[in-house]
Structure formats: structure tokens, C-alpha cells
Amino acid sequence: MTDLVQSVTVPDREGRIMTMLARAAAALVGLFGLAFGAWFFAATPDAAAYFFVQPIGAAGEATLRADMASFFLVGAAWAFFAARTGRGAALLVPGALYAVAISGRAVNLIVNGPYEGAAAPMIVEAVLIALCAFGYRVLRSPA
């Protein structure tokens, strides 16, 4: 009986490794969001130029600082929450944010056609979505 209880309550080595990898994946998503969110907060014109966006005046800069920073920082907060607590459902938030972002880029490719530099951000977003999906799948509560 003791062996049965121990096998149910103590995850095997492979399970612990997967959990550790899922938490690391969540932390990577969080670090990415934190870096870009902080960049938009601290150096909005530089971050905007990197994203091929040009703010018009102080109001445009404020809009980018608020909207872009919040996009990245909210995703980062939920990813860090998932990494810290092991609650995989928290990764649905950054996963959804990046899924909407990559969808917008796909629509842009359909509407405007291919352009130089289109693939790189889509690859990054796809990797972030994959990390979120992996973390969600490993860390979600069993049904």
C-alpha cells in the first residue's frame, strides 16, 4: 500500500524533468516579454523603430508606451506566474496574445503580400506559442 501511495504522490524522475522544463519554458516567455515591455517603457522611440513603427508626437509615444508595454508585460506576468506556481493555465494568456499577434501578421501577408523581414517575428511568435503550449500541457492539472 505504501508503494502505491508513494507512486501516486511523488512524480517520477521523467515527470520532474518535464515539469522543470515546462517551468523554464514559461520563464523564457516571461523574460522575453519583460525585456520588450521594459524596452517600450524606457526607450519607446528605439523600441518603436525596431518594430517599424513611428509615433507621431507625444501622444503617439504615449500610446506605444502604454499599448506595447502592456502587451508584453501582461504576457510576462502570467508566464512568470505559471513558472513560479506551476499553473499551466496561466500560459494561456501569453499564448493567446502571441497567437493573435501572429494571426495579424498572417493577415498582413495576405493583404499586402510578402515583404523583407516578415518571417523573423512570425518565427519568434511561433516559438513563444510553442513554449506556452508545452508549458500548459505539462503543467495543467489532471482532469
Foldseek 3Di string as FASTA:
>chain_A
DVVVVCPVPPDDPVLVVLLLLLLVLLQVLLVVLQVLLVCLQPPVQVSCVVVVHHADPPVRSVVSNPVSSCLSNQLNVLSNVCSVPLALVSLVSNLVSLVVVLVVLVVCCVVPNDDPPSVVSNVVSVSSNVSSVSSNVSSHDDD
